[in-house]
Protein backbone atom coordinates (compact mmCIF):
# COMPACT_ATOMS: atom_id res chain seq x y z
CA MET A 1 -1.12 1.35 20.55
CA ASN A 2 -4.90 1.66 20.57
CA ILE A 3 -6.44 -1.08 18.47
CA GLY A 4 -9.95 -0.16 19.54
CA ARG A 5 -9.61 3.43 18.33
CA ASN A 6 -8.16 2.21 15.03
CA ILE A 7 -11.03 -0.24 14.50
CA GLN A 8 -13.53 2.52 15.25
CA GLU A 9 -11.84 4.99 12.86
CA LEU A 10 -11.63 2.44 10.05
CA ARG A 11 -15.26 1.44 10.60
CA LYS A 12 -16.35 5.07 10.42
CA GLN A 13 -14.28 5.61 7.26
CA LYS A 14 -16.24 2.77 5.66
CA ASN A 15 -19.41 4.41 6.98
CA ILE A 16 -20.73 1.23 8.60
CA THR A 17 -22.23 0.55 12.01
CA GLN A 18 -20.90 -1.77 14.68
CA GLU A 19 -23.73 -4.14 13.82
CA GLU A 20 -22.76 -4.18 10.12
CA LEU A 21 -19.12 -4.83 10.95
CA ALA A 22 -20.13 -7.59 13.36
CA ALA A 23 -22.27 -9.24 10.68
CA GLU A 24 -19.36 -9.12 8.18
CA LEU A 25 -17.02 -10.79 10.68
CA GLY A 26 -19.48 -13.26 12.19
CA VAL A 27 -19.30 -11.82 15.71
CA THR A 28 -21.73 -9.93 17.89
CA ALA A 29 -22.12 -6.17 17.92
CA ALA A 30 -21.23 -6.34 21.62
CA ALA A 31 -17.84 -7.85 20.69
CA VAL A 32 -17.14 -4.97 18.29
CA SER A 33 -18.21 -2.47 20.95
CA LYS A 34 -15.87 -4.08 23.50
CA TRP A 35 -12.95 -3.88 21.04
CA GLU A 36 -13.62 -0.24 20.25
CA ASN A 37 -13.96 0.69 23.93
CA GLY A 38 -10.81 -1.17 24.93
CA TYR A 39 -12.51 -3.75 27.17
CA THR A 40 -11.28 -6.70 25.09
CA LEU A 41 -9.01 -7.31 22.12
CA PRO A 42 -9.73 -9.31 18.98
CA ASP A 43 -7.86 -12.63 18.84
CA ILE A 44 -5.10 -13.13 16.28
CA LEU A 45 -7.38 -14.67 13.64
CA MET A 46 -9.93 -11.90 14.06
CA LEU A 47 -7.13 -9.33 13.84
CA CYS A 48 -6.24 -10.74 10.41
CA ALA A 49 -9.90 -10.77 9.36
CA LEU A 50 -10.26 -7.13 10.44
CA ALA A 51 -7.12 -6.13 8.52
CA ASP A 52 -8.40 -7.89 5.39
CA PHE A 53 -11.85 -6.34 5.72
CA PHE A 54 -10.45 -2.82 6.13
CA GLU A 55 -7.73 -3.42 3.49
CA VAL A 56 -4.91 -2.45 5.84
CA THR A 57 -1.97 -4.35 7.26
CA THR A 58 -2.12 -5.80 10.74
CA ASP A 59 0.65 -3.37 11.68
CA GLU A 60 -1.56 -0.47 10.63
CA LEU A 61 -4.50 -1.94 12.53
CA LEU A 62 -2.28 -2.22 15.61
CA GLY A 63 -1.09 1.35 15.13
CA ARG A 64 2.44 0.47 14.05
CA ASN A 65 4.20 2.01 11.05
CA THR A 66 1.33 4.33 10.18
CA ALA A 67 3.50 7.06 8.67
CA ARG A 68 2.78 7.50 5.00
CA LYS A 69 5.54 6.22 2.76
CA GLN A 70 6.50 8.41 -0.18
CA ALA A 71 6.20 6.78 -3.60
CA ILE A 72 6.64 7.62 -7.25
CA VAL A 73 4.00 6.22 -9.62
CA VAL A 74 4.79 5.72 -13.31
CA ALA A 75 2.01 4.44 -15.57
CA GLU A 76 1.11 4.36 -19.26
CA THR A 77 -1.70 6.86 -18.74
CA GLU A 78 -2.58 9.49 -16.17
CA GLU A 79 -5.86 7.68 -15.52
CA LEU A 80 -4.07 4.44 -14.63
CA GLY A 81 -1.54 6.42 -12.58
CA GLN A 82 -4.36 7.98 -10.58
CA LYS A 83 -5.97 4.57 -9.98
CA ILE A 84 -2.64 3.25 -8.69
CA ALA A 85 -2.20 6.35 -6.51
CA ASP A 86 -5.68 5.89 -5.06
CA LEU A 87 -4.97 2.21 -4.34
CA ILE A 88 -1.62 2.76 -2.66
CA GLY A 89 -3.12 5.64 -0.70
CA ARG A 90 -5.37 3.14 1.07
CA TYR A 91 -2.19 1.40 2.22
CA HIS A 92 -0.63 4.53 3.76
CA PHE A 93 1.42 5.59 0.75
CA GLN A 94 1.63 9.17 -0.36
CA PRO A 95 2.35 9.43 -4.07
CA ALA A 96 5.11 12.00 -4.49
CA VAL A 97 4.58 12.23 -8.23
CA ILE A 98 2.36 10.58 -10.81
CA LEU A 99 4.16 10.38 -14.12
CA THR A 100 3.73 8.85 -17.52
CA ASP A 101 7.39 8.68 -18.55
CA TYR A 102 10.56 7.26 -17.05
CA GLU A 103 12.79 10.21 -17.88
CA THR A 104 10.88 12.47 -15.54
CA ALA A 105 10.68 9.70 -12.94
CA LEU A 106 14.45 9.31 -13.11
CA ALA A 107 14.93 13.04 -12.64
CA VAL A 108 12.61 13.01 -9.61
CA ALA A 109 14.36 9.95 -8.15
CA GLU A 110 17.77 11.56 -8.58
CA PHE A 111 16.55 14.77 -6.97
CA GLU A 112 15.05 12.83 -4.05
CA ALA A 113 18.24 10.82 -3.59
CA GLU A 114 20.39 13.96 -3.59
CA HIS A 115 18.20 16.22 -1.46
CA LYS A 116 15.40 14.69 0.57
CA LYS A 117 15.75 10.91 0.41
CA GLU A 118 12.06 10.57 1.22
CA VAL A 119 10.88 8.47 -1.71
CA LYS A 120 11.29 4.81 -0.85
CA TYR A 121 9.00 3.15 -3.41
CA LEU A 122 8.51 3.21 -7.16
CA PHE A 123 5.32 1.72 -8.61
CA THR A 124 5.39 1.19 -12.38
CA ALA A 125 2.75 -0.14 -14.74
CA THR A 126 4.03 0.12 -18.28
CA SER A 127 4.47 -2.03 -21.35
CA GLN A 128 8.28 -1.68 -21.17
CA PRO A 129 10.25 -2.54 -18.02
CA LEU A 130 12.94 -0.25 -16.71
CA ARG A 131 16.37 -0.90 -18.19
CA GLU A 132 19.16 -1.98 -15.84
CA GLU A 133 20.90 1.39 -16.06
CA GLU A 134 17.61 3.11 -15.19
CA LEU A 135 17.17 0.86 -12.15
CA ASP A 136 20.54 2.06 -10.86
CA ALA A 137 19.11 5.59 -10.57
CA PHE A 138 16.54 4.20 -8.11
CA ASN A 139 19.17 2.80 -5.75
CA GLY A 140 17.64 2.18 -2.32
CA ILE A 141 14.09 2.46 -3.66
CA THR A 142 11.86 -0.60 -3.69
CA HIS A 143 10.52 -1.05 -7.20
CA VAL A 144 7.12 -2.67 -7.70
CA ASP A 145 6.69 -3.35 -11.42
CA VAL A 146 3.53 -4.74 -12.99
CA GLN A 147 3.91 -5.37 -16.70
CA ILE A 148 1.00 -4.43 -18.93
CA THR A 149 0.15 -7.25 -21.30
CA ASN A 150 -3.45 -6.69 -22.27
CA GLY A 151 -3.84 -3.25 -20.76
CA ALA A 152 -6.40 -4.43 -18.19
CA ASP A 153 -6.31 -1.86 -15.39
CA GLU A 154 -8.03 -4.31 -13.01
CA ASP A 155 -5.24 -6.89 -13.47
CA ILE A 156 -2.58 -4.25 -12.87
CA LEU A 157 -4.29 -2.97 -9.74
CA SER A 158 -4.78 -6.53 -8.53
CA GLY A 159 -1.05 -7.22 -8.92
CA ILE A 160 -0.13 -4.10 -6.97
CA GLU A 161 -2.70 -4.85 -4.29
CA MET A 162 -1.29 -8.36 -3.90
CA TYR A 163 2.09 -6.76 -3.23
CA LEU A 164 0.62 -4.30 -0.75
CA LYS A 165 -1.19 -7.02 1.19
CA ASN A 166 2.09 -8.85 1.61
CA MET A 167 3.97 -5.69 2.47
CA ALA A 168 5.37 -6.88 5.79
CA THR A 169 7.86 -9.19 4.08
CA PHE A 170 8.83 -6.68 1.44
CA HIS A 171 8.97 -3.89 4.01
CA SER A 172 11.70 -5.68 5.92
CA LEU A 173 13.68 -5.95 2.67
CA ALA A 174 13.18 -2.26 1.94
CA GLU A 175 14.32 -1.35 5.45
CA HIS A 176 17.64 -3.01 4.65
CA LYS A 177 17.81 -1.11 1.34
CA VAL A 178 17.59 -4.27 -0.74
CA HIS A 179 16.28 -3.57 -4.22
CA THR A 180 13.35 -5.81 -5.13
CA THR A 181 11.53 -6.09 -8.41
CA LYS A 182 8.20 -7.85 -8.70
CA HIS A 183 6.89 -8.91 -12.08
CA THR A 184 3.31 -10.03 -12.54
CA ASN A 185 1.87 -11.22 -15.83
């Protein structure tokens, strides 16, 4: 676990200096330098502030659970699907497939369940929720469903991001293969 290296890598990904990060967090540039060089560690509150700033979980900041999780994305349009894929990619997800219809998603889920068992998450943003019999095909896959009401992509992405930020709780459910469905209006 190398928190300092992770802070440095995330800072460089955002293309900001130690001074700019320090200003954002209300600390000195020397404090950021000490974190990155492993001389000191951020306290628990600063760890949370860093995770929020970099849009990662504290586990990811600490170097835990950094393997990308496979996911299927189903959305009304390819454009929305790509936006969701880009968003979940920032949270260490790797979209396995971006689809615009459930039939294909079901076929992919069934294939994954029979052969690889790598897909653990299904993100959907459609006007119609999955039917109960369709949900059965995604057994063991955590389903994050954001219903489209007015078609506002920003609201949909906000709902999914809210889920991702609270992933630690949901992750423990997924580890125990409990099926969860989240609906956001």
